[in-house]
């Protein structure tokens, strides 16, 4: 991946240990390979961050930002938006599952409008 991926996906996560692994697997399985996934752990007190760290250790497209306290979904997303490097930016909830071609279809549609 170059310094500027085609797509940054910001995932705000709070106490998402039960779902974040599946969400990350679906995002990393996209047909669009030039993607970065930024997980903003919003002060979770469960095992969210260690799960993201485990996935991140095997895939450099994943980034983790940990907030010390719970600031809310909007603040977490805003922090991820600041950190995003992609030409395009999208969001995902920590319990969303993306079909494999979703990111590619979204980018194609967006670029067709430019």
N, C-alpha and C. Protein backbone atom coordinates (compact mmCIF):
# COMPACT_ATOMS: atom_id res chain seq x y z
N UNK A 1 0.85 -1.18 0.00
CA UNK A 1 0.00 0.00 0.00
C UNK A 1 0.89 1.24 0.00
N UNK A 2 0.56 2.18 -0.85
CA UNK A 2 1.31 3.43 -0.86
C UNK A 2 0.94 4.24 0.38
N UNK A 3 1.57 5.40 0.51
CA UNK A 3 1.25 6.27 1.64
C UNK A 3 -0.19 6.75 1.59
N UNK A 4 -0.75 6.82 0.37
CA UNK A 4 -2.13 7.27 0.23
C UNK A 4 -2.98 6.14 -0.33
N UNK A 5 -3.69 5.44 0.55
CA UNK A 5 -4.58 4.38 0.05
C UNK A 5 -5.77 4.99 -0.68
N UNK A 6 -6.42 4.19 -1.48
CA UNK A 6 -7.61 4.67 -2.17
C UNK A 6 -8.74 4.96 -1.19
N UNK A 7 -8.82 4.15 -0.12
CA UNK A 7 -9.93 4.28 0.83
C UNK A 7 -9.44 4.11 2.26
N UNK A 8 -9.86 5.02 3.12
CA UNK A 8 -9.69 4.87 4.56
C UNK A 8 -11.07 4.57 5.14
N UNK A 9 -11.16 3.53 5.96
CA UNK A 9 -12.41 3.22 6.64
C UNK A 9 -12.18 3.45 8.13
N UNK A 10 -12.95 4.34 8.72
CA UNK A 10 -12.84 4.67 10.13
C UNK A 10 -13.89 3.87 10.90
N UNK A 11 -13.43 3.13 11.89
CA UNK A 11 -14.31 2.30 12.71
C UNK A 11 -14.24 2.81 14.14
N UNK A 12 -15.31 3.42 14.63
CA UNK A 12 -15.38 3.81 16.03
C UNK A 12 -15.82 2.58 16.83
N UNK A 13 -15.04 2.24 17.85
CA UNK A 13 -15.34 1.01 18.59
C UNK A 13 -15.35 1.29 20.09
N UNK A 14 -16.42 0.88 20.74
CA UNK A 14 -16.50 0.97 22.19
C UNK A 14 -17.04 -0.36 22.71
N UNK A 15 -16.23 -1.03 23.51
CA UNK A 15 -16.60 -2.34 24.07
C UNK A 15 -17.15 -3.26 22.97
N UNK A 16 -16.37 -3.40 21.92
CA UNK A 16 -16.79 -4.14 20.73
C UNK A 16 -16.07 -5.48 20.60
N UNK A 17 -15.57 -6.03 21.69
CA UNK A 17 -14.80 -7.27 21.62
C UNK A 17 -15.58 -8.40 20.96
N UNK A 18 -16.88 -8.42 21.11
CA UNK A 18 -17.68 -9.51 20.54
C UNK A 18 -17.84 -9.42 19.03
N UNK A 19 -17.62 -8.23 18.45
CA UNK A 19 -17.91 -8.05 17.02
C UNK A 19 -16.74 -7.54 16.19
N UNK A 20 -15.76 -6.91 16.80
CA UNK A 20 -14.72 -6.21 16.03
C UNK A 20 -13.90 -7.14 15.16
N UNK A 21 -13.65 -8.36 15.60
CA UNK A 21 -12.87 -9.29 14.79
C UNK A 21 -13.54 -9.59 13.47
N UNK A 22 -14.83 -9.89 13.49
CA UNK A 22 -15.57 -10.18 12.26
C UNK A 22 -15.65 -8.94 11.37
N UNK A 23 -15.83 -7.78 11.97
CA UNK A 23 -15.87 -6.54 11.20
C UNK A 23 -14.55 -6.32 10.47
N UNK A 24 -13.44 -6.48 11.18
CA UNK A 24 -12.13 -6.29 10.56
C UNK A 24 -11.89 -7.32 9.46
N UNK A 25 -12.27 -8.56 9.68
CA UNK A 25 -12.10 -9.57 8.63
C UNK A 25 -12.87 -9.20 7.37
N UNK A 26 -14.08 -8.67 7.54
CA UNK A 26 -14.87 -8.30 6.37
C UNK A 26 -14.25 -7.10 5.64
N UNK A 27 -13.71 -6.16 6.39
CA UNK A 27 -13.08 -5.00 5.76
C UNK A 27 -11.79 -5.38 5.05
N UNK A 28 -11.02 -6.27 5.62
CA UNK A 28 -9.75 -6.67 5.03
C UNK A 28 -9.92 -7.65 3.87
N UNK A 29 -11.11 -8.21 3.72
CA UNK A 29 -11.39 -9.14 2.63
C UNK A 29 -11.95 -8.42 1.39
N UNK A 30 -11.90 -7.11 1.38
CA UNK A 30 -12.42 -6.36 0.24
C UNK A 30 -11.62 -6.65 -1.03
N UNK A 31 -12.30 -6.60 -2.18
CA UNK A 31 -11.61 -6.75 -3.45
C UNK A 31 -10.72 -5.54 -3.72
N UNK A 32 -11.03 -4.42 -3.13
CA UNK A 32 -10.17 -3.23 -3.19
C UNK A 32 -9.06 -3.44 -2.17
N UNK A 33 -7.84 -3.56 -2.64
CA UNK A 33 -6.73 -3.83 -1.73
C UNK A 33 -6.09 -2.57 -1.16
N UNK A 34 -6.23 -1.45 -1.86
CA UNK A 34 -5.62 -0.21 -1.40
C UNK A 34 -6.56 0.46 -0.39
N UNK A 35 -6.55 -0.10 0.80
CA UNK A 35 -7.47 0.31 1.86
C UNK A 35 -6.71 0.37 3.17
N UNK A 36 -7.07 1.31 4.00
CA UNK A 36 -6.59 1.31 5.37
C UNK A 36 -7.81 1.30 6.27
N UNK A 37 -7.69 0.60 7.38
CA UNK A 37 -8.77 0.52 8.35
C UNK A 37 -8.25 1.15 9.64
N UNK A 38 -8.89 2.20 10.06
CA UNK A 38 -8.50 2.92 11.27
C UNK A 38 -9.54 2.63 12.34
N UNK A 39 -9.14 1.88 13.35
CA UNK A 39 -10.04 1.59 14.47
C UNK A 39 -9.72 2.58 15.57
N UNK A 40 -10.72 3.33 15.99
CA UNK A 40 -10.56 4.23 17.11
C UNK A 40 -11.26 3.58 18.30
N UNK A 41 -10.45 3.04 19.20
CA UNK A 41 -10.98 2.42 20.42
C UNK A 41 -11.34 3.54 21.38
N UNK A 42 -12.61 3.71 21.60
CA UNK A 42 -13.14 4.85 22.35
C UNK A 42 -13.20 4.57 23.85
N UNK A 43 -12.05 4.24 24.42
CA UNK A 43 -11.98 4.02 25.86
C UNK A 43 -12.62 2.72 26.32
N UNK A 44 -12.58 1.70 25.48
CA UNK A 44 -13.19 0.41 25.83
C UNK A 44 -12.57 -0.16 27.10
N UNK A 45 -13.40 -0.89 27.85
CA UNK A 45 -12.92 -1.56 29.06
C UNK A 45 -13.00 -3.09 28.91
N UNK A 46 -13.26 -3.53 27.69
CA UNK A 46 -13.26 -4.97 27.41
C UNK A 46 -12.01 -5.30 26.58
N UNK A 47 -12.03 -6.33 25.82
CA UNK A 47 -10.86 -6.76 25.05
C UNK A 47 -10.81 -6.25 23.63
N UNK A 48 -11.43 -5.12 23.34
CA UNK A 48 -11.44 -4.59 21.98
C UNK A 48 -10.02 -4.33 21.46
N UNK A 49 -9.23 -3.57 22.18
CA UNK A 49 -7.89 -3.20 21.69
C UNK A 49 -7.00 -4.42 21.46
N UNK A 50 -6.93 -5.40 22.35
CA UNK A 50 -6.09 -6.57 22.07
C UNK A 50 -6.51 -7.34 20.82
N UNK A 51 -7.80 -7.38 20.55
CA UNK A 51 -8.26 -8.06 19.33
C UNK A 51 -7.79 -7.29 18.10
N UNK A 52 -7.93 -5.97 18.13
CA UNK A 52 -7.46 -5.16 17.00
C UNK A 52 -5.95 -5.30 16.86
N UNK A 53 -5.22 -5.29 17.96
CA UNK A 53 -3.76 -5.47 17.91
C UNK A 53 -3.38 -6.79 17.26
N UNK A 54 -4.11 -7.84 17.58
CA UNK A 54 -3.82 -9.15 16.99
C UNK A 54 -4.01 -9.12 15.48
N UNK A 55 -5.10 -8.54 15.03
CA UNK A 55 -5.34 -8.42 13.59
C UNK A 55 -4.29 -7.53 12.96
N UNK A 56 -3.98 -6.43 13.61
CA UNK A 56 -3.00 -5.46 13.10
C UNK A 56 -1.62 -6.09 12.94
N UNK A 57 -1.27 -7.00 13.83
CA UNK A 57 0.05 -7.63 13.75
C UNK A 57 0.21 -8.46 12.47
N UNK A 58 -0.91 -8.88 11.89
CA UNK A 58 -0.86 -9.67 10.68
C UNK A 58 -1.22 -8.91 9.41
N UNK A 59 -1.60 -7.65 9.54
CA UNK A 59 -2.02 -6.88 8.37
C UNK A 59 -1.73 -5.40 8.60
N UNK A 60 -0.78 -4.88 7.87
CA UNK A 60 -0.34 -3.50 8.08
C UNK A 60 -1.36 -2.45 7.63
N UNK A 61 -2.45 -2.89 7.03
CA UNK A 61 -3.50 -1.94 6.63
C UNK A 61 -4.35 -1.49 7.81
N UNK A 62 -4.19 -2.14 8.95
CA UNK A 62 -4.98 -1.81 10.14
C UNK A 62 -4.19 -0.87 11.03
N UNK A 63 -4.83 0.18 11.49
CA UNK A 63 -4.24 1.11 12.45
C UNK A 63 -5.16 1.18 13.66
N UNK A 64 -4.57 1.32 14.83
CA UNK A 64 -5.35 1.44 16.07
C UNK A 64 -5.01 2.75 16.75
N UNK A 65 -6.05 3.48 17.09
CA UNK A 65 -5.92 4.68 17.89
C UNK A 65 -6.72 4.43 19.15
N UNK A 66 -6.09 4.53 20.30
CA UNK A 66 -6.78 4.28 21.56
C UNK A 66 -6.99 5.58 22.32
N UNK A 67 -8.24 5.87 22.62
CA UNK A 67 -8.57 7.04 23.44
C UNK A 67 -8.61 6.60 24.90
N UNK A 68 -8.12 7.45 25.78
CA UNK A 68 -8.04 7.11 27.21
C UNK A 68 -9.41 6.98 27.87
N UNK A 69 -10.35 7.80 27.41
CA UNK A 69 -11.69 7.77 28.00
C UNK A 69 -12.72 7.70 26.89
N UNK A 70 -13.91 7.26 27.23
CA UNK A 70 -15.00 7.20 26.27
C UNK A 70 -15.48 8.61 25.97
N UNK A 71 -15.33 9.01 24.71
CA UNK A 71 -15.72 10.36 24.29
C UNK A 71 -16.95 10.35 23.41
N UNK A 72 -17.44 9.18 23.03
CA UNK A 72 -18.61 9.07 22.18
C UNK A 72 -18.24 8.79 20.73
N UNK A 73 -19.20 8.21 20.03
CA UNK A 73 -18.98 7.77 18.65
C UNK A 73 -18.55 8.91 17.73
N UNK A 74 -19.17 10.08 17.86
CA UNK A 74 -18.82 11.20 16.98
C UNK A 74 -17.38 11.65 17.19
N UNK A 75 -16.98 11.78 18.44
CA UNK A 75 -15.60 12.20 18.73
C UNK A 75 -14.60 11.16 18.23
N UNK A 76 -14.94 9.89 18.40
CA UNK A 76 -14.04 8.83 17.93
C UNK A 76 -13.92 8.87 16.41
N UNK A 77 -15.04 9.02 15.72
CA UNK A 77 -14.99 9.12 14.26
C UNK A 77 -14.20 10.34 13.81
N UNK A 78 -14.42 11.46 14.47
CA UNK A 78 -13.68 12.67 14.12
C UNK A 78 -12.18 12.46 14.26
N UNK A 79 -11.76 11.78 15.31
CA UNK A 79 -10.33 11.50 15.49
C UNK A 79 -9.81 10.63 14.34
N UNK A 80 -10.59 9.63 13.95
CA UNK A 80 -10.20 8.79 12.82
C UNK A 80 -10.12 9.57 11.52
N UNK A 81 -11.05 10.49 11.32
CA UNK A 81 -11.03 11.31 10.11
C UNK A 81 -9.77 12.16 10.03
N UNK A 82 -9.34 12.67 11.17
CA UNK A 82 -8.10 13.46 11.22
C UNK A 82 -6.90 12.61 10.80
N UNK A 83 -6.89 11.35 11.20
CA UNK A 83 -5.77 10.45 10.95
C UNK A 83 -5.80 9.80 9.57
N UNK A 84 -6.94 9.84 8.89
CA UNK A 84 -7.10 9.13 7.62
C UNK A 84 -6.18 9.69 6.54
N UNK A 85 -5.64 8.78 5.73
CA UNK A 85 -4.73 9.16 4.65
C UNK A 85 -5.31 8.86 3.27
N UNK A 86 -6.47 8.28 3.20
CA UNK A 86 -7.03 7.83 1.93
C UNK A 86 -7.53 8.97 1.05
N UNK A 87 -7.60 8.68 -0.25
CA UNK A 87 -8.20 9.63 -1.19
C UNK A 87 -9.68 9.77 -0.90
N UNK A 88 -10.32 8.68 -0.44
CA UNK A 88 -11.72 8.65 -0.06
C UNK A 88 -11.80 8.13 1.37
N UNK A 89 -12.84 8.54 2.09
CA UNK A 89 -13.00 8.12 3.48
C UNK A 89 -14.41 7.61 3.68
N UNK A 90 -14.52 6.49 4.38
CA UNK A 90 -15.80 5.93 4.74
C UNK A 90 -15.81 5.57 6.21
N UNK A 91 -16.97 5.23 6.72
CA UNK A 91 -17.09 4.82 8.11
C UNK A 91 -17.77 3.46 8.19
N UNK A 92 -17.51 2.79 9.28
CA UNK A 92 -18.16 1.51 9.56
C UNK A 92 -18.38 1.44 11.06
N UNK A 93 -19.50 0.89 11.45
CA UNK A 93 -19.68 0.61 12.87
C UNK A 93 -18.89 -0.63 13.22
N UNK A 94 -18.62 -0.82 14.48
CA UNK A 94 -17.79 -1.94 14.94
C UNK A 94 -18.50 -3.28 14.84
N UNK A 95 -19.78 -3.26 14.48
CA UNK A 95 -20.51 -4.52 14.31
C UNK A 95 -21.04 -4.69 12.89
N UNK A 96 -20.50 -3.92 11.94
CA UNK A 96 -20.89 -4.02 10.54
C UNK A 96 -20.08 -5.10 9.83
N UNK A 97 -20.71 -5.75 8.87
CA UNK A 97 -20.02 -6.70 8.00
C UNK A 97 -20.19 -6.21 6.57
N UNK A 98 -19.07 -6.06 5.86
CA UNK A 98 -19.10 -5.58 4.49
C UNK A 98 -18.98 -6.76 3.54
N UNK A 99 -19.80 -6.79 2.48
CA UNK A 99 -19.61 -7.80 1.44
C UNK A 99 -18.29 -7.48 0.73
N UNK A 100 -17.68 -8.50 0.14
CA UNK A 100 -16.32 -8.39 -0.39
C UNK A 100 -16.14 -7.29 -1.44
N UNK A 101 -17.15 -6.97 -2.21
CA UNK A 101 -17.01 -5.97 -3.26
C UNK A 101 -17.56 -4.60 -2.92
N UNK A 102 -17.98 -4.42 -1.68
CA UNK A 102 -18.64 -3.15 -1.32
C UNK A 102 -17.74 -1.94 -1.52
N UNK A 103 -16.53 -1.97 -1.02
CA UNK A 103 -15.64 -0.81 -1.11
C UNK A 103 -15.35 -0.46 -2.57
N UNK A 104 -15.12 -1.46 -3.38
CA UNK A 104 -14.83 -1.22 -4.79
C UNK A 104 -16.05 -0.59 -5.49
N UNK A 105 -17.23 -1.09 -5.20
CA UNK A 105 -18.44 -0.52 -5.79
C UNK A 105 -18.66 0.93 -5.34
N UNK A 106 -18.44 1.20 -4.06
CA UNK A 106 -18.61 2.57 -3.55
C UNK A 106 -17.63 3.53 -4.21
N UNK A 107 -16.37 3.11 -4.34
CA UNK A 107 -15.38 3.98 -4.97
C UNK A 107 -15.69 4.22 -6.43
N UNK A 108 -16.10 3.19 -7.14
CA UNK A 108 -16.46 3.33 -8.56
C UNK A 108 -17.60 4.33 -8.70
N UNK A 109 -18.63 4.18 -7.87
CA UNK A 109 -19.76 5.10 -7.93
C UNK A 109 -19.34 6.52 -7.61
N UNK A 110 -18.50 6.70 -6.59
CA UNK A 110 -18.05 8.05 -6.21
C UNK A 110 -17.22 8.68 -7.31
N UNK A 111 -16.31 7.90 -7.88
CA UNK A 111 -15.44 8.46 -8.93
C UNK A 111 -16.21 8.76 -10.20
N UNK A 112 -17.28 8.02 -10.46
CA UNK A 112 -18.12 8.30 -11.63
C UNK A 112 -18.83 9.65 -11.49
N UNK A 113 -19.00 10.13 -10.26
CA UNK A 113 -19.67 11.40 -10.02
C UNK A 113 -18.73 12.59 -10.09
N UNK A 114 -17.43 12.34 -10.12
CA UNK A 114 -16.46 13.43 -10.15
C UNK A 114 -16.22 13.96 -11.55
